[in-house]
Amino acid sequence: MALDETFLDLASSGGDYPAILHFYRKRPSISLGYFQSAEEEVDLEVCDRDGVGIFRRTSGGGAIFEDENQLIYGLVLPDPGIYGVPNATIDSFGFINRALILTLADFGLSAEFVPVNDVLVHGKKISGCAQTRRKGALLQHGTLILDHDPSVMFRYLKVDPGKLKAKGLTDAEERVTSLKRELGKTPDPYMVKEGLDKGFSRMLGIEFSPSELTGEERERAKKLCEERYSRNEWNFMR
């Protein structure tokens, strides 16, 4: 999260900053949307018992359980209009999620974007995303579910029965799927990363190349970790 915000800060400060696409997997944790209440969205007692960290991101959207069974991407565009990204948030979600749809098609899966911010396969969510903008620059981060154990995810998240009923569902577990479930085998995370790299490149009409973090990026991210993302004042401020 500190890297995401670091990239967005630098992208919004002007100058010749590149578009950035980065990937990561993480230990079990909860990613809270900026406007959410930790107490309302998460079973704090169970998270504390199991050592599941809770972190607030700068973007909106809902709470997400993240672990090594998900591949998470972060896309930062200093000037999204250059790539044809619409200004309206929902429209931009649809535009950028074409990268996920292209990637899943390469794996033989037919996917669709469903507003506000979901990508579905066979009517079940396989990817979600969140977005924020700063001085014209855009940050979108999201997850692609590689494998999924519903009993684990919903052990930590509080699920609103009203939202499920509105979607015609009786159980939160009915709403989510994974690459493993759809493909019938465990996907290679590296191959999925390469597929997403290709999908985003095709969607944006550019080619990403590998690079290392600069000294400034490392120092900014470290400072943000110390001052914000590692502090309860930030993570539990609502």
C-alpha atoms as a PDB file:
ATOM      1  CA  MET A   1       0.000   0.000   0.000  1.00  0.00           C
ATOM      2  CA  ALA A   2       2.896   2.334   0.746  1.00  0.00           C
ATOM      3  CA  LEU A   3       4.351   1.610  -2.680  1.00  0.00           C
ATOM      4  CA  ASP A   4       0.991   2.257  -4.348  1.00  0.00           C
ATOM      5  CA  GLU A   5       0.756   5.660  -2.675  1.00  0.00           C
ATOM      6  CA  THR A   6       4.403   6.424  -3.398  1.00  0.00           C
ATOM      7  CA  PHE A   7       3.929   5.727  -7.097  1.00  0.00           C
ATOM      8  CA  LEU A   8       0.745   7.834  -7.150  1.00  0.00           C
ATOM      9  CA  ASP A   9       2.457  10.745  -5.364  1.00  0.00           C
ATOM     10  CA  LEU A  10       5.334  10.774  -7.828  1.00  0.00           C
ATOM     11  CA  ALA A  11       3.034  10.334 -10.820  1.00  0.00           C
ATOM     12  CA  SER A  12       0.926  13.312  -9.717  1.00  0.00           C
ATOM     13  CA  SER A  13       3.868  15.621  -9.067  1.00  0.00           C
ATOM     14  CA  GLY A  14       4.570  16.319 -12.729  1.00  0.00           C
ATOM     15  CA  GLY A  15       7.729  15.552 -14.618  1.00  0.00           C
ATOM     16  CA  ASP A  16       8.548  12.536 -16.739  1.00  0.00           C
ATOM     17  CA  TYR A  17       7.229   9.748 -14.509  1.00  0.00           C
ATOM     18  CA  PRO A  18       6.325   6.487 -16.267  1.00  0.00           C
ATOM     19  CA  ALA A  19       3.206   4.373 -16.139  1.00  0.00           C
ATOM     20  CA  ILE A  20       3.754   1.627 -13.566  1.00  0.00           C
ATOM     21  CA  LEU A  21       2.339  -1.864 -13.225  1.00  0.00           C
ATOM     22  CA  HIS A  22       3.406  -3.927 -10.245  1.00  0.00           C
ATOM     23  CA  PHE A  23       2.295  -7.219  -8.707  1.00  0.00           C
ATOM     24  CA  TYR A  24       2.457  -8.754  -5.280  1.00  0.00           C
ATOM     25  CA  ARG A  25       1.135 -11.547  -3.073  1.00  0.00           C
ATOM     26  CA  LYS A  26       0.967 -11.197   0.679  1.00  0.00           C
ATOM     27  CA  ARG A  27       0.436 -12.954   3.975  1.00  0.00           C
ATOM     28  CA  PRO A  28      -3.182 -13.183   5.211  1.00  0.00           C
ATOM     29  CA  SER A  29      -4.506  -9.671   5.839  1.00  0.00           C
ATOM     30  CA  ILE A  30      -7.508  -7.419   5.378  1.00  0.00           C
ATOM     31  CA  SER A  31      -7.416  -4.463   2.986  1.00  0.00           C
ATOM     32  CA  LEU A  32      -9.951  -1.857   4.139  1.00  0.00           C
ATOM     33  CA  GLY A  33     -11.394   0.776   1.837  1.00  0.00           C
ATOM     34  CA  TYR A  34     -10.516   4.339   2.861  1.00  0.00           C
ATOM     35  CA  PHE A  35     -14.040   5.193   4.019  1.00  0.00           C
ATOM     36  CA  GLN A  36     -14.808   1.954   5.850  1.00  0.00           C
ATOM     37  CA  SER A  37     -15.104   1.198   9.540  1.00  0.00           C
ATOM     38  CA  ALA A  38     -12.864  -1.661  10.635  1.00  0.00           C
ATOM     39  CA  GLU A  39     -15.294  -2.613  13.398  1.00  0.00           C
ATOM     40  CA  GLU A  40     -18.257  -2.805  11.013  1.00  0.00           C
ATOM     41  CA  GLU A  41     -16.477  -4.706   8.237  1.00  0.00           C
ATOM     42  CA  VAL A  42     -14.129  -7.075  10.050  1.00  0.00           C
ATOM     43  CA  ASP A  43     -14.295  -9.559  12.913  1.00  0.00           C
ATOM     44  CA  LEU A  44     -11.514  -7.902  14.891  1.00  0.00           C
ATOM     45  CA  GLU A  45     -11.345 -10.576  17.570  1.00  0.00           C
ATOM     46  CA  VAL A  46     -10.839 -13.419  15.094  1.00  0.00           C
ATOM     47  CA  CYS A  47      -8.259 -11.413  13.115  1.00  0.00           C
ATOM     48  CA  ASP A  48      -6.316 -10.683  16.288  1.00  0.00           C
ATOM     49  CA  ARG A  49      -6.477 -14.324  17.358  1.00  0.00           C
ATOM     50  CA  ASP A  50      -5.184 -15.572  13.984  1.00  0.00           C
ATOM     51  CA  GLY A  51      -2.614 -12.820  13.422  1.00  0.00           C
ATOM     52  CA  VAL A  52      -4.400 -11.400  10.378  1.00  0.00           C
ATOM     53  CA  GLY A  53      -3.277  -7.807   9.814  1.00  0.00           C
ATOM     54  CA  ILE A  54      -5.736  -5.001   9.020  1.00  0.00           C
ATOM     55  CA  PHE A  55      -4.577  -2.167   6.763  1.00  0.00           C
ATOM     56  CA  ARG A  56      -6.431   0.840   5.350  1.00  0.00           C
ATOM     57  CA  ARG A  57      -5.728   1.777   1.744  1.00  0.00           C
ATOM     58  CA  THR A  58      -6.054   5.213   0.140  1.00  0.00           C
ATOM     59  CA  SER A  59      -8.718   4.084  -2.334  1.00  0.00           C
ATOM     60  CA  GLY A  60     -12.392   3.461  -1.677  1.00  0.00           C
ATOM     61  CA  GLY A  61     -14.331   0.259  -2.175  1.00  0.00           C
ATOM     62  CA  GLY A  62     -14.985  -2.668   0.093  1.00  0.00           C
ATOM     63  CA  ALA A  63     -12.969  -4.758   2.497  1.00  0.00           C
ATOM     64  CA  ILE A  64     -10.935  -7.566   0.921  1.00  0.00           C
ATOM     65  CA  PHE A  65      -9.284 -10.598   2.438  1.00  0.00           C
ATOM     66  CA  GLU A  66      -5.886 -11.053   0.790  1.00  0.00           C
ATOM     67  CA  ASP A  67      -3.399 -13.913   0.988  1.00  0.00           C
ATOM     68  CA  GLU A  68      -0.950 -15.824  -1.207  1.00  0.00           C
ATOM     69  CA  ASN A  69      -3.869 -17.334  -3.130  1.00  0.00           C
ATOM     70  CA  GLN A  70      -4.497 -13.980  -4.782  1.00  0.00           C
ATOM     71  CA  LEU A  71      -2.353 -12.067  -7.225  1.00  0.00           C
ATOM     72  CA  ILE A  72      -2.707  -8.344  -6.608  1.00  0.00           C
ATOM     73  CA  TYR A  73      -1.890  -5.704  -9.199  1.00  0.00           C
ATOM     74  CA  GLY A  74      -1.298  -1.979  -8.908  1.00  0.00           C
ATOM     75  CA  LEU A  75      -1.579   0.253 -11.994  1.00  0.00           C
ATOM     76  CA  VAL A  76      -0.458   3.879 -11.868  1.00  0.00           C
ATOM     77  CA  LEU A  77      -0.999   6.242 -14.813  1.00  0.00           C
ATOM     78  CA  PRO A  78       0.334   9.824 -14.590  1.00  0.00           C
ATOM     79  CA  ASP A  79      -2.037  10.941 -17.368  1.00  0.00           C
ATOM     80  CA  PRO A  80      -4.774   8.340 -17.880  1.00  0.00           C
ATOM     81  CA  GLY A  81      -6.400  10.310 -20.698  1.00  0.00           C
ATOM     82  CA  ILE A  82      -3.423   9.564 -22.947  1.00  0.00           C
ATOM     83  CA  TYR A  83      -4.449   5.915 -22.904  1.00  0.00           C
ATOM     84  CA  GLY A  84      -8.123   6.626 -23.465  1.00  0.00           C
ATOM     85  CA  VAL A  85      -9.165   6.022 -19.855  1.00  0.00           C
ATOM     86  CA  PRO A  86     -12.520   7.775 -19.229  1.00  0.00           C
ATOM     87  CA  ASN A  87     -12.812  10.410 -16.504  1.00  0.00           C
ATOM     88  CA  ALA A  88     -15.925   8.897 -14.903  1.00  0.00           C
ATOM     89  CA  THR A  89     -14.890   6.324 -12.309  1.00  0.00           C
ATOM     90  CA  ILE A  90     -17.340   3.574 -13.294  1.00  0.00           C
ATOM     91  CA  ASP A  91     -16.482   4.013 -16.979  1.00  0.00           C
ATOM     92  CA  SER A  92     -12.784   3.854 -16.164  1.00  0.00           C
ATOM     93  CA  PHE A  93     -13.332   0.648 -14.164  1.00  0.00           C
ATOM     94  CA  GLY A  94     -14.912  -0.899 -17.234  1.00  0.00           C
ATOM     95  CA  PHE A  95     -12.103   0.320 -19.479  1.00  0.00           C
ATOM     96  CA  ILE A  96      -9.224  -0.858 -17.303  1.00  0.00           C
ATOM     97  CA  ASN A  97     -10.843  -4.181 -16.448  1.00  0.00           C
ATOM     98  CA  ARG A  98     -10.673  -5.075 -20.119  1.00  0.00           C
ATOM     99  CA  ALA A  99      -7.111  -6.095 -19.250  1.00  0.00           C
ATOM    100  CA  LEU A 100      -8.474  -8.730 -16.858  1.00  0.00           C
ATOM    101  CA  ILE A 101     -10.992  -9.923 -19.445  1.00  0.00           C
ATOM    102  CA  LEU A 102      -8.257 -10.251 -22.093  1.00  0.00           C
ATOM    103  CA  THR A 103      -6.064 -12.160 -19.650  1.00  0.00           C
ATOM    104  CA  LEU A 104      -8.817 -14.553 -18.672  1.00  0.00           C
ATOM    105  CA  ALA A 105      -9.664 -15.120 -22.343  1.00  0.00           C
ATOM    106  CA  ASP A 106      -6.078 -16.224 -22.917  1.00  0.00           C
ATOM    107  CA  PHE A 107      -6.695 -18.838 -20.213  1.00  0.00           C
ATOM    108  CA  GLY A 108      -9.802 -19.980 -22.071  1.00  0.00           C
ATOM    109  CA  LEU A 109     -12.298 -18.277 -19.764  1.00  0.00           C
ATOM    110  CA  SER A 110     -15.131 -15.984 -20.821  1.00  0.00           C
ATOM    111  CA  ALA A 111     -15.374 -13.077 -18.381  1.00  0.00           C
ATOM    112  CA  GLU A 112     -17.518  -9.966 -18.099  1.00  0.00           C
ATOM    113  CA  PHE A 113     -17.248  -6.667 -16.287  1.00  0.00           C
ATOM    114  CA  VAL A 114     -20.183  -5.908 -13.988  1.00  0.00           C
ATOM    115  CA  PRO A 115     -20.380  -2.434 -12.423  1.00  0.00           C
ATOM    116  CA  VAL A 116     -19.354  -1.120 -10.103  1.00  0.00           C
ATOM    117  CA  ASN A 117     -16.006  -2.899 -10.063  1.00  0.00           C
ATOM    118  CA  ASP A 118     -16.281  -6.668 -10.496  1.00  0.00           C
ATOM    119  CA  VAL A 119     -15.096  -9.125 -13.131  1.00  0.00           C
ATOM    120  CA  LEU A 120     -17.216 -12.281 -13.236  1.00  0.00           C
ATOM    121  CA  VAL A 121     -16.750 -15.760 -14.689  1.00  0.00           C
ATOM    122  CA  HIS A 122     -19.910 -17.866 -14.899  1.00  0.00           C
ATOM    123  CA  GLY A 123     -21.673 -15.252 -12.805  1.00  0.00           C
ATOM    124  CA  LYS A 124     -19.161 -15.421  -9.951  1.00  0.00           C
ATOM    125  CA  LYS A 125     -16.612 -12.823  -8.904  1.00  0.00           C
ATOM    126  CA  ILE A 126     -13.012 -13.624  -9.786  1.00  0.00           C
ATOM    127  CA  SER A 127     -11.594 -10.098  -9.605  1.00  0.00           C
ATOM    128  CA  GLY A 128     -12.403  -6.819  -7.910  1.00  0.00           C
ATOM    129  CA  CYS A 129     -10.683  -3.445  -7.904  1.00  0.00           C
ATOM    130  CA  ALA A 130     -10.532  -0.019  -6.290  1.00  0.00           C
ATOM    131  CA  GLN A 131      -9.307   3.329  -7.557  1.00  0.00           C
ATOM    132  CA  THR A 132      -8.207   6.762  -6.472  1.00  0.00           C
ATOM    133  CA  ARG A 133      -6.908   9.821  -8.300  1.00  0.00           C
ATOM    134  CA  ARG A 134      -4.569  12.604  -7.282  1.00  0.00           C
ATOM    135  CA  LYS A 135      -3.896  15.731  -9.351  1.00  0.00           C
ATOM    136  CA  GLY A 136      -4.946  13.928 -12.508  1.00  0.00           C
ATOM    137  CA  ALA A 137      -2.891  10.777 -11.888  1.00  0.00           C
ATOM    138  CA  LEU A 138      -4.711   7.470 -11.420  1.00  0.00           C
ATOM    139  CA  LEU A 139      -4.078   4.500  -9.170  1.00  0.00           C
ATOM    140  CA  GLN A 140      -6.102   1.341  -9.635  1.00  0.00           C
ATOM    141  CA  HIS A 141      -5.351  -1.783  -7.686  1.00  0.00           C
ATOM    142  CA  GLY A 142      -7.194  -5.059  -7.757  1.00  0.00           C
ATOM    143  CA  THR A 143      -6.961  -8.761  -7.192  1.00  0.00           C
ATOM    144  CA  LEU A 144      -7.236 -11.874  -9.308  1.00  0.00           C
ATOM    145  CA  ILE A 145      -8.236 -14.915  -7.259  1.00  0.00           C
ATOM    146  CA  LEU A 146      -5.954 -17.877  -7.968  1.00  0.00           C
ATOM    147  CA  ASP A 147      -7.468 -20.242  -5.403  1.00  0.00           C
ATOM    148  CA  HIS A 148     -10.276 -19.741  -2.939  1.00  0.00           C
ATOM    149  CA  ASP A 149     -11.361 -21.267   0.337  1.00  0.00           C
ATOM    150  CA  PRO A 150     -14.611 -19.469   1.215  1.00  0.00           C
ATOM    151  CA  SER A 151     -14.543 -20.663   4.808  1.00  0.00           C
ATOM    152  CA  VAL A 152     -11.277 -18.767   5.338  1.00  0.00           C
ATOM    153  CA  MET A 153     -12.274 -15.514   3.638  1.00  0.00           C
ATOM    154  CA  PHE A 154     -15.605 -15.171   5.386  1.00  0.00           C
ATOM    155  CA  ARG A 155     -14.152 -16.148   8.748  1.00  0.00           C
ATOM    156  CA  TYR A 156     -12.698 -12.643   8.969  1.00  0.00           C
ATOM    157  CA  LEU A 157     -15.104 -10.463   6.970  1.00  0.00           C
ATOM    158  CA  LYS A 158     -18.572  -9.494   8.131  1.00  0.00           C
ATOM    159  CA  VAL A 159     -20.925 -10.049   5.209  1.00  0.00           C
ATOM    160  CA  ASP A 160     -24.066  -7.928   4.880  1.00  0.00           C
ATOM    161  CA  PRO A 161     -27.033 -10.296   4.280  1.00  0.00           C
ATOM    162  CA  GLY A 162     -28.912  -7.450   2.615  1.00  0.00           C
ATOM    163  CA  LYS A 163     -26.293  -7.140  -0.123  1.00  0.00           C
ATOM    164  CA  LEU A 164     -26.462 -10.861  -0.804  1.00  0.00           C
ATOM    165  CA  LYS A 165     -30.261 -10.809  -0.989  1.00  0.00           C
ATOM    166  CA  ALA A 166     -30.130  -7.900  -3.464  1.00  0.00           C
ATOM    167  CA  LYS A 167     -27.929 -10.059  -5.699  1.00  0.00           C
ATOM    168  CA  GLY A 168     -30.245 -13.055  -5.370  1.00  0.00           C
ATOM    169  CA  LEU A 169     -27.778 -15.008  -3.243  1.00  0.00           C
ATOM    170  CA  THR A 170     -28.302 -16.811   0.028  1.00  0.00           C
ATOM    171  CA  ASP A 171     -24.683 -17.421   0.934  1.00  0.00           C
ATOM    172  CA  ALA A 172     -21.577 -15.270   0.470  1.00  0.00           C
ATOM    173  CA  GLU A 173     -19.673 -18.334  -0.704  1.00  0.00           C
ATOM    174  CA  GLU A 174     -21.877 -18.567  -3.799  1.00  0.00           C
ATOM    175  CA  ARG A 175     -20.592 -15.266  -5.118  1.00  0.00           C
ATOM    176  CA  VAL A 176     -16.861 -15.998  -5.517  1.00  0.00           C
ATOM    177  CA  THR A 177     -14.833 -18.261  -7.797  1.00  0.00           C
ATOM    178  CA  SER A 178     -11.150 -18.766  -8.646  1.00  0.00           C
ATOM    179  CA  LEU A 179      -8.849 -19.676 -11.489  1.00  0.00           C
ATOM    180  CA  LYS A 180      -8.280 -23.091  -9.922  1.00  0.00           C
ATOM    181  CA  ARG A 181     -11.997 -23.779  -9.786  1.00  0.00           C
ATOM    182  CA  GLU A 182     -12.634 -22.610 -13.340  1.00  0.00           C
ATOM    183  CA  LEU A 183      -9.571 -24.250 -14.904  1.00  0.00           C
ATOM    184  CA  GLY A 184      -9.698 -27.448 -12.882  1.00  0.00           C
ATOM    185  CA  LYS A 185      -6.064 -27.081 -11.849  1.00  0.00           C
ATOM    186  CA  THR A 186      -3.834 -24.858  -9.753  1.00  0.00           C
ATOM    187  CA  PRO A 187      -2.494 -21.993 -11.897  1.00  0.00           C
ATOM    188  CA  ASP A 188       1.174 -21.026 -11.920  1.00  0.00           C
ATOM    189  CA  PRO A 189       1.253 -17.519 -10.312  1.00  0.00           C
ATOM    190  CA  TYR A 190       4.178 -16.519 -12.542  1.00  0.00           C
ATOM    191  CA  MET A 191       2.213 -17.438 -15.671  1.00  0.00           C
ATOM    192  CA  VAL A 192      -0.787 -15.488 -14.390  1.00  0.00           C
ATOM    193  CA  LYS A 193       1.448 -12.460 -13.760  1.00  0.00           C
ATOM    194  CA  GLU A 194       2.843 -12.715 -17.274  1.00  0.00           C
ATOM    195  CA  GLY A 195      -0.702 -12.982 -18.606  1.00  0.00           C
ATOM    196  CA  LEU A 196      -1.791  -9.853 -16.763  1.00  0.00           C
ATOM    197  CA  ASP A 197       1.294  -7.999 -17.952  1.00  0.00           C
ATOM    198  CA  LYS A 198       0.307  -8.879 -21.514  1.00  0.00           C
ATOM    199  CA  GLY A 199      -3.344  -7.994 -20.905  1.00  0.00           C
ATOM    200  CA  PHE A 200      -2.551  -4.539 -19.493  1.00  0.00           C
ATOM    201  CA  SER A 201      -0.050  -3.880 -22.267  1.00  0.00           C
ATOM    202  CA  ARG A 202      -2.652  -4.715 -24.928  1.00  0.00           C
ATOM    203  CA  MET A 203      -5.342  -2.677 -23.195  1.00  0.00           C
ATOM    204  CA  LEU A 204      -3.155   0.442 -22.846  1.00  0.00           C
ATOM    205  CA  GLY A 205      -1.226   0.054 -26.096  1.00  0.00           C
ATOM    206  CA  ILE A 206       2.175   0.142 -24.357  1.00  0.00           C
ATOM    207  CA  GLU A 207       4.820  -2.350 -23.295  1.00  0.00           C
ATOM    208  CA  PHE A 208       5.987  -2.525 -19.706  1.00  0.00           C
ATOM    209  CA  SER A 209       9.612  -3.347 -18.970  1.00  0.00           C
ATOM    210  CA  PRO A 210      11.094  -4.655 -15.679  1.00  0.00           C
ATOM    211  CA  SER A 211      12.754  -2.107 -13.388  1.00  0.00           C
ATOM    212  CA  GLU A 212      14.013  -1.770  -9.825  1.00  0.00           C
ATOM    213  CA  LEU A 213      12.723   0.648  -7.218  1.00  0.00           C
ATOM    214  CA  THR A 214      14.625   3.919  -7.134  1.00  0.00           C
ATOM    215  CA  GLY A 215      16.180   5.195  -3.921  1.00  0.00           C
ATOM    216  CA  GLU A 216      13.528   7.915  -3.692  1.00  0.00           C
ATOM    217  CA  GLU A 217      10.712   5.389  -4.095  1.00  0.00           C
ATOM    218  CA  ARG A 218      12.175   3.170  -1.364  1.00  0.00           C
ATOM    219  CA  GLU A 219      12.604   6.060   1.066  1.00  0.00           C
ATOM    220  CA  ARG A 220       9.123   7.474   0.429  1.00  0.00           C
ATOM    221  CA  ALA A 221       7.506   4.046   0.888  1.00  0.00           C
ATOM    222  CA  LYS A 222       9.468   3.394   4.074  1.00  0.00           C
ATOM    223  CA  LYS A 223       8.389   6.748   5.495  1.00  0.00           C
ATOM    224  CA  LEU A 224       4.736   6.088   4.617  1.00  0.00           C
ATOM    225  CA  CYS A 225       4.925   2.692   6.339  1.00  0.00           C
ATOM    226  CA  GLU A 226       6.307   4.268   9.489  1.00  0.00           C
ATOM    227  CA  GLU A 227       3.972   7.260   9.554  1.00  0.00           C
ATOM    228  CA  ARG A 228       0.754   5.698   8.296  1.00  0.00           C
ATOM    229  CA  TYR A 229       0.299   2.073   7.305  1.00  0.00           C
ATOM    230  CA  SER A 230       1.884   0.558  10.410  1.00  0.00           C
ATOM    231  CA  ARG A 231      -0.084   2.797  12.787  1.00  0.00           C
ATOM    232  CA  ASN A 232      -3.446   2.056  14.397  1.00  0.00           C
ATOM    233  CA  GLU A 233      -4.347   5.749  14.124  1.00  0.00           C
ATOM    234  CA  TRP A 234      -4.567   5.251  10.354  1.00  0.00           C
ATOM    235  CA  ASN A 235      -5.789   1.681  10.066  1.00  0.00           C
ATOM    236  CA  PHE A 236      -8.533   2.042  12.692  1.00  0.00           C
ATOM    237  CA  MET A 237      -9.415   5.701  12.275  1.00  0.00           C
ATOM    238  CA  ARG A 238     -13.076   4.907  11.513  1.00  0.00           C
END
